[in-house]
Amino acid sequence: MKRELKRQLAHLSGIFIVILLIYFGKFFTEILTFSILIGFIFLSIYKIKFLRKSKPHFKFFGEIEKSFFEFIDSFDRKEKIPYKGALTFFLSATIVILIFPLEISIISISVLCIYDSFATLIGSYFGKHKIFFNPRKSLEGTFFAFLITFFVIFAFFDLKIAFLSSFFAMLTEILPIRVDDNLTIPFVVGIVLVLLT
């Protein structure tokens, strides 16, 4: 539970990308998100190919390496692909910024940061009623995440657009599909906003 809390707080900190988009625009933020993505690709490959198979030549550098990976691993779920959450998050952010207008990019990434984090945190601590077709999700987490997403979008768009965008974000998150919701949620929200505006 502690690891998941840290992971979701890290996920929520992705709102920093939104702040950069607002103040520095698409070009700078695109370069930054792409650079971070490349960094996580390198770390993931390094961990799979080298870290598990080789020993450091110098004890001092080995201790730095060990401490560094222990720190970033504390935010990560133990999966086959190291740092999968960060990889999918920065991949989707990079593509969303590239293909959608500025305002829609801001909303799509905001929803990605907020919805998933609050749905998981509220569901983990207060979720008592599981969704029958996806028992990994709770009604409490889903409803609260829908509400907060609705109010975020409503700050920029009218009631109808805010409701439909939030509804499709919720639907995308609770459907038991194999595609990572870091990849699906921002694109679904972006497409809905493009179609409705």
C-alpha atoms as a PDB file:
ATOM      1  CA  MET A   1       0.000   0.000   0.000  1.00  0.00           C
ATOM      2  CA  LYS A   2       2.836   2.401   0.830  1.00  0.00           C
ATOM      3  CA  ARG A   3       4.507   1.688  -2.524  1.00  0.00           C
ATOM      4  CA  GLU A   4       1.206   2.292  -4.339  1.00  0.00           C
ATOM      5  CA  LEU A   5       0.691   5.578  -2.493  1.00  0.00           C
ATOM      6  CA  LYS A   6       4.171   6.755  -3.533  1.00  0.00           C
ATOM      7  CA  ARG A   7       3.511   5.608  -7.084  1.00  0.00           C
ATOM      8  CA  GLN A   8       0.236   7.514  -7.350  1.00  0.00           C
ATOM      9  CA  LEU A   9       1.743  10.660  -5.838  1.00  0.00           C
ATOM     10  CA  ALA A  10       4.499  10.425  -8.455  1.00  0.00           C
ATOM     11  CA  HIS A  11       1.801   9.931 -11.101  1.00  0.00           C
ATOM     12  CA  LEU A  12      -0.063  12.983  -9.816  1.00  0.00           C
ATOM     13  CA  SER A  13       3.151  15.021  -9.985  1.00  0.00           C
ATOM     14  CA  GLY A  14       2.851  14.701 -13.762  1.00  0.00           C
ATOM     15  CA  ILE A  15       0.667  17.796 -13.461  1.00  0.00           C
ATOM     16  CA  PHE A  16       4.023  19.611 -13.626  1.00  0.00           C
ATOM     17  CA  ILE A  17       3.912  18.908 -17.381  1.00  0.00           C
ATOM     18  CA  VAL A  18       0.633  20.798 -17.560  1.00  0.00           C
ATOM     19  CA  ILE A  19       2.220  23.779 -15.797  1.00  0.00           C
ATOM     20  CA  LEU A  20       5.072  23.726 -18.313  1.00  0.00           C
ATOM     21  CA  LEU A  21       2.573  23.582 -21.178  1.00  0.00           C
ATOM     22  CA  ILE A  22       0.739  26.614 -19.835  1.00  0.00           C
ATOM     23  CA  TYR A  23       3.832  28.741 -19.259  1.00  0.00           C
ATOM     24  CA  PHE A  24       6.297  27.524 -21.902  1.00  0.00           C
ATOM     25  CA  GLY A  25       4.091  26.113 -24.663  1.00  0.00           C
ATOM     26  CA  LYS A  26       4.125  22.929 -26.692  1.00  0.00           C
ATOM     27  CA  PHE A  27       7.605  22.983 -28.241  1.00  0.00           C
ATOM     28  CA  PHE A  28       9.616  23.176 -25.001  1.00  0.00           C
ATOM     29  CA  THR A  29       7.362  20.717 -23.163  1.00  0.00           C
ATOM     30  CA  GLU A  30       7.437  18.285 -26.097  1.00  0.00           C
ATOM     31  CA  ILE A  31      11.244  18.230 -26.022  1.00  0.00           C
ATOM     32  CA  LEU A  32      11.230  17.719 -22.242  1.00  0.00           C
ATOM     33  CA  THR A  33       8.693  14.869 -22.207  1.00  0.00           C
ATOM     34  CA  PHE A  34      10.469  13.155 -25.101  1.00  0.00           C
ATOM     35  CA  SER A  35      13.827  13.497 -23.314  1.00  0.00           C
ATOM     36  CA  ILE A  36      12.401  12.022 -20.102  1.00  0.00           C
ATOM     37  CA  LEU A  37      10.879   9.180 -22.128  1.00  0.00           C
ATOM     38  CA  ILE A  38      14.274   8.412 -23.681  1.00  0.00           C
ATOM     39  CA  GLY A  39      15.815   8.515 -20.189  1.00  0.00           C
ATOM     40  CA  PHE A  40      13.339   5.933 -18.856  1.00  0.00           C
ATOM     41  CA  ILE A  41      13.840   3.738 -21.933  1.00  0.00           C
ATOM     42  CA  PHE A  42      17.580   3.784 -21.213  1.00  0.00           C
ATOM     43  CA  LEU A  43      17.046   2.995 -17.505  1.00  0.00           C
ATOM     44  CA  SER A  44      14.668   0.150 -18.327  1.00  0.00           C
ATOM     45  CA  ILE A  45      17.058  -1.420 -20.850  1.00  0.00           C
ATOM     46  CA  TYR A  46      20.029  -0.897 -18.518  1.00  0.00           C
ATOM     47  CA  LYS A  47      18.237  -2.594 -15.649  1.00  0.00           C
ATOM     48  CA  ILE A  48      17.173  -5.581 -17.770  1.00  0.00           C
ATOM     49  CA  LYS A  49      20.375  -6.095 -19.740  1.00  0.00           C
ATOM     50  CA  PHE A  50      23.206  -4.954 -17.483  1.00  0.00           C
ATOM     51  CA  LEU A  51      22.272  -4.294 -13.860  1.00  0.00           C
ATOM     52  CA  ARG A  52      21.219  -7.873 -13.149  1.00  0.00           C
ATOM     53  CA  LYS A  53      24.175  -9.437 -14.931  1.00  0.00           C
ATOM     54  CA  SER A  54      27.247  -7.376 -14.101  1.00  0.00           C
ATOM     55  CA  LYS A  55      29.046  -6.111 -11.034  1.00  0.00           C
ATOM     56  CA  PRO A  56      30.382  -2.567 -10.772  1.00  0.00           C
ATOM     57  CA  HIS A  57      34.146  -2.114 -11.192  1.00  0.00           C
ATOM     58  CA  PHE A  58      34.347   0.438  -8.404  1.00  0.00           C
ATOM     59  CA  LYS A  59      32.595   0.040  -5.070  1.00  0.00           C
ATOM     60  CA  PHE A  60      31.873   3.789  -4.810  1.00  0.00           C
ATOM     61  CA  PHE A  61      30.004   3.884  -8.129  1.00  0.00           C
ATOM     62  CA  GLY A  62      28.268   0.642  -7.253  1.00  0.00           C
ATOM     63  CA  GLU A  63      26.843   2.203  -4.088  1.00  0.00           C
ATOM     64  CA  ILE A  64      25.616   5.257  -6.019  1.00  0.00           C
ATOM     65  CA  GLU A  65      24.029   3.021  -8.634  1.00  0.00           C
ATOM     66  CA  LYS A  66      22.396   0.848  -5.975  1.00  0.00           C
ATOM     67  CA  SER A  67      20.999   3.850  -4.080  1.00  0.00           C
ATOM     68  CA  PHE A  68      19.718   5.459  -7.280  1.00  0.00           C
ATOM     69  CA  PHE A  69      17.863   2.359  -8.449  1.00  0.00           C
ATOM     70  CA  GLU A  70      16.499   1.620  -4.971  1.00  0.00           C
ATOM     71  CA  PHE A  71      15.025   5.129  -4.932  1.00  0.00           C
ATOM     72  CA  ILE A  72      13.334   4.995  -8.344  1.00  0.00           C
ATOM     73  CA  ASP A  73      12.273   1.365  -7.818  1.00  0.00           C
ATOM     74  CA  SER A  74      10.356   2.449  -4.703  1.00  0.00           C
ATOM     75  CA  PHE A  75       7.910   4.275  -7.015  1.00  0.00           C
ATOM     76  CA  ASP A  76       7.522   1.388  -9.429  1.00  0.00           C
ATOM     77  CA  ARG A  77       5.323  -1.676  -9.523  1.00  0.00           C
ATOM     78  CA  LYS A  78       7.223  -4.905  -9.939  1.00  0.00           C
ATOM     79  CA  GLU A  79       6.517  -5.757 -13.552  1.00  0.00           C
ATOM     80  CA  LYS A  80       8.277  -7.552 -16.374  1.00  0.00           C
ATOM     81  CA  ILE A  81       9.182  -4.219 -17.984  1.00  0.00           C
ATOM     82  CA  PRO A  82      10.890  -1.917 -15.450  1.00  0.00           C
ATOM     83  CA  TYR A  83       9.347   1.557 -15.148  1.00  0.00           C
ATOM     84  CA  LYS A  84       6.421   0.615 -17.390  1.00  0.00           C
ATOM     85  CA  GLY A  85       4.196   3.241 -15.748  1.00  0.00           C
ATOM     86  CA  ALA A  86       6.677   6.048 -16.402  1.00  0.00           C
ATOM     87  CA  LEU A  87       7.327   4.818 -19.943  1.00  0.00           C
ATOM     88  CA  THR A  88       3.639   4.754 -20.891  1.00  0.00           C
ATOM     89  CA  PHE A  89       2.956   8.057 -19.113  1.00  0.00           C
ATOM     90  CA  PHE A  90       5.689  10.009 -20.911  1.00  0.00           C
ATOM     91  CA  LEU A  91       4.996   8.262 -24.219  1.00  0.00           C
ATOM     92  CA  SER A  92       1.343   9.280 -24.117  1.00  0.00           C
ATOM     93  CA  ALA A  93       2.191  12.814 -22.930  1.00  0.00           C
ATOM     94  CA  THR A  94       4.688  13.208 -25.791  1.00  0.00           C
ATOM     95  CA  ILE A  95       2.191  12.028 -28.427  1.00  0.00           C
ATOM     96  CA  VAL A  96      -0.738  13.996 -26.973  1.00  0.00           C
ATOM     97  CA  ILE A  97       1.278  17.236 -27.040  1.00  0.00           C
ATOM     98  CA  LEU A  98       2.319  16.469 -30.620  1.00  0.00           C
ATOM     99  CA  ILE A  99      -1.110  15.710 -32.102  1.00  0.00           C
ATOM    100  CA  PHE A 100      -3.611  17.801 -30.129  1.00  0.00           C
ATOM    101  CA  PRO A 101      -4.015  21.591 -29.820  1.00  0.00           C
ATOM    102  CA  LEU A 102      -2.542  23.216 -26.708  1.00  0.00           C
ATOM    103  CA  GLU A 103      -5.763  23.516 -24.672  1.00  0.00           C
ATOM    104  CA  ILE A 104      -6.799  19.921 -25.398  1.00  0.00           C
ATOM    105  CA  SER A 105      -3.284  18.681 -24.574  1.00  0.00           C
ATOM    106  CA  ILE A 106      -3.491  20.471 -21.214  1.00  0.00           C
ATOM    107  CA  ILE A 107      -6.860  18.894 -20.385  1.00  0.00           C
ATOM    108  CA  SER A 108      -5.924  15.402 -21.614  1.00  0.00           C
ATOM    109  CA  ILE A 109      -2.728  15.249 -19.557  1.00  0.00           C
ATOM    110  CA  SER A 110      -4.482  16.774 -16.527  1.00  0.00           C
ATOM    111  CA  VAL A 111      -7.116  14.043 -16.693  1.00  0.00           C
ATOM    112  CA  LEU A 112      -4.402  11.388 -17.067  1.00  0.00           C
ATOM    113  CA  CYS A 113      -2.667  12.649 -13.903  1.00  0.00           C
ATOM    114  CA  ILE A 114      -5.778  13.248 -11.830  1.00  0.00           C
ATOM    115  CA  TYR A 115      -8.199  10.486 -12.784  1.00  0.00           C
ATOM    116  CA  ASP A 116      -5.916   7.495 -12.428  1.00  0.00           C
ATOM    117  CA  SER A 117      -4.308   8.758  -9.211  1.00  0.00           C
ATOM    118  CA  PHE A 118      -7.544   9.583  -7.401  1.00  0.00           C
ATOM    119  CA  ALA A 119      -9.360   6.472  -8.623  1.00  0.00           C
ATOM    120  CA  THR A 120      -6.550   4.281  -7.290  1.00  0.00           C
ATOM    121  CA  LEU A 121      -6.027   6.131  -4.005  1.00  0.00           C
ATOM    122  CA  ILE A 122      -9.721   6.475  -3.105  1.00  0.00           C
ATOM    123  CA  GLY A 123     -10.396   2.923  -4.253  1.00  0.00           C
ATOM    124  CA  SER A 124      -7.489   1.540  -2.217  1.00  0.00           C
ATOM    125  CA  TYR A 125      -8.446   3.275   1.030  1.00  0.00           C
ATOM    126  CA  PHE A 126     -12.239   3.582   0.810  1.00  0.00           C
ATOM    127  CA  GLY A 127     -13.359   1.228  -1.946  1.00  0.00           C
ATOM    128  CA  LYS A 128     -15.775  -1.356  -0.586  1.00  0.00           C
ATOM    129  CA  HIS A 129     -17.974  -2.028  -3.621  1.00  0.00           C
ATOM    130  CA  LYS A 130     -16.241  -3.656  -6.584  1.00  0.00           C
ATOM    131  CA  ILE A 131     -17.419  -3.158 -10.159  1.00  0.00           C
ATOM    132  CA  PHE A 132     -18.873  -6.498 -11.218  1.00  0.00           C
ATOM    133  CA  PHE A 133     -17.191  -6.662 -14.645  1.00  0.00           C
ATOM    134  CA  ASN A 134     -13.835  -5.406 -13.341  1.00  0.00           C
ATOM    135  CA  PRO A 135     -13.250  -6.358  -9.684  1.00  0.00           C
ATOM    136  CA  ARG A 136      -9.897  -4.532  -9.685  1.00  0.00           C
ATOM    137  CA  LYS A 137     -11.872  -1.257  -9.683  1.00  0.00           C
ATOM    138  CA  SER A 138     -14.220   0.097  -7.024  1.00  0.00           C
ATOM    139  CA  LEU A 139     -17.373   2.180  -7.336  1.00  0.00           C
ATOM    140  CA  GLU A 140     -16.055   4.663  -4.757  1.00  0.00           C
ATOM    141  CA  GLY A 141     -12.762   5.279  -6.547  1.00  0.00           C
ATOM    142  CA  THR A 142     -14.441   5.455  -9.945  1.00  0.00           C
ATOM    143  CA  PHE A 143     -17.174   7.879  -8.826  1.00  0.00           C
ATOM    144  CA  PHE A 144     -14.796  10.240  -7.005  1.00  0.00           C
ATOM    145  CA  ALA A 145     -12.358  10.259  -9.931  1.00  0.00           C
ATOM    146  CA  PHE A 146     -15.244  10.976 -12.314  1.00  0.00           C
ATOM    147  CA  LEU A 147     -16.358  13.924 -10.177  1.00  0.00           C
ATOM    148  CA  ILE A 148     -12.947  15.547  -9.870  1.00  0.00           C
ATOM    149  CA  THR A 149     -12.283  15.010 -13.595  1.00  0.00           C
ATOM    150  CA  PHE A 150     -15.633  16.580 -14.422  1.00  0.00           C
ATOM    151  CA  PHE A 151     -14.836  19.724 -12.411  1.00  0.00           C
ATOM    152  CA  VAL A 152     -11.361  20.009 -13.967  1.00  0.00           C
ATOM    153  CA  ILE A 153     -12.796  19.903 -17.499  1.00  0.00           C
ATOM    154  CA  PHE A 154     -15.763  22.108 -16.537  1.00  0.00           C
ATOM    155  CA  ALA A 155     -13.268  24.858 -15.642  1.00  0.00           C
ATOM    156  CA  PHE A 156     -12.433  25.058 -19.377  1.00  0.00           C
ATOM    157  CA  PHE A 157     -15.505  23.798 -21.242  1.00  0.00           C
ATOM    158  CA  ASP A 158     -19.287  23.749 -20.874  1.00  0.00           C
ATOM    159  CA  LEU A 159     -21.350  21.244 -18.889  1.00  0.00           C
ATOM    160  CA  LYS A 160     -22.068  18.863 -21.772  1.00  0.00           C
ATOM    161  CA  ILE A 161     -18.427  18.620 -22.884  1.00  0.00           C
ATOM    162  CA  ALA A 162     -17.208  18.210 -19.286  1.00  0.00           C
ATOM    163  CA  PHE A 163     -19.725  15.438 -18.605  1.00  0.00           C
ATOM    164  CA  LEU A 164     -19.092  13.480 -21.807  1.00  0.00           C
ATOM    165  CA  SER A 165     -15.301  13.774 -21.548  1.00  0.00           C
ATOM    166  CA  SER A 166     -15.351  12.635 -17.922  1.00  0.00           C
ATOM    167  CA  PHE A 167     -17.773   9.828 -18.731  1.00  0.00           C
ATOM    168  CA  PHE A 168     -15.578   8.446 -21.526  1.00  0.00           C
ATOM    169  CA  ALA A 169     -12.469   8.784 -19.352  1.00  0.00           C
ATOM    170  CA  MET A 170     -14.269   6.775 -16.658  1.00  0.00           C
ATOM    171  CA  LEU A 171     -15.457   4.182 -19.166  1.00  0.00           C
ATOM    172  CA  THR A 172     -11.943   3.809 -20.576  1.00  0.00           C
ATOM    173  CA  GLU A 173     -10.466   3.329 -17.109  1.00  0.00           C
ATOM    174  CA  ILE A 174     -12.942   0.745 -15.822  1.00  0.00           C
ATOM    175  CA  LEU A 175     -13.217  -1.449 -18.915  1.00  0.00           C
ATOM    176  CA  PRO A 176     -11.149  -4.614 -18.431  1.00  0.00           C
ATOM    177  CA  ILE A 177      -8.913  -4.105 -21.464  1.00  0.00           C
ATOM    178  CA  ARG A 178      -5.235  -5.045 -21.629  1.00  0.00           C
ATOM    179  CA  VAL A 179      -3.976  -1.690 -22.922  1.00  0.00           C
ATOM    180  CA  ASP A 180      -2.416   0.506 -20.209  1.00  0.00           C
ATOM    181  CA  ASP A 181      -4.768   3.321 -19.179  1.00  0.00           C
ATOM    182  CA  ASN A 182      -1.825   5.748 -19.301  1.00  0.00           C
ATOM    183  CA  LEU A 183      -2.071   5.267 -23.049  1.00  0.00           C
ATOM    184  CA  THR A 184      -5.849   5.133 -23.449  1.00  0.00           C
ATOM    185  CA  ILE A 185      -7.245   7.840 -21.140  1.00  0.00           C
ATOM    186  CA  PRO A 186      -5.528  10.944 -22.589  1.00  0.00           C
ATOM    187  CA  PHE A 187      -6.253   9.906 -26.186  1.00  0.00           C
ATOM    188  CA  VAL A 188      -9.918   9.160 -25.503  1.00  0.00           C
ATOM    189  CA  VAL A 189     -10.340  12.495 -23.708  1.00  0.00           C
ATOM    190  CA  GLY A 190      -8.458  14.317 -26.471  1.00  0.00           C
ATOM    191  CA  ILE A 191     -10.552  12.736 -29.226  1.00  0.00           C
ATOM    192  CA  VAL A 192     -13.828  13.479 -27.409  1.00  0.00           C
ATOM    193  CA  LEU A 193     -12.789  17.111 -26.938  1.00  0.00           C
ATOM    194  CA  VAL A 194     -11.777  17.441 -30.596  1.00  0.00           C
ATOM    195  CA  LEU A 195     -15.132  16.020 -31.712  1.00  0.00           C
ATOM    196  CA  LEU A 196     -17.182  18.196 -29.363  1.00  0.00           C
ATOM    197  CA  THR A 197     -15.387  21.531 -29.754  1.00  0.00           C
END
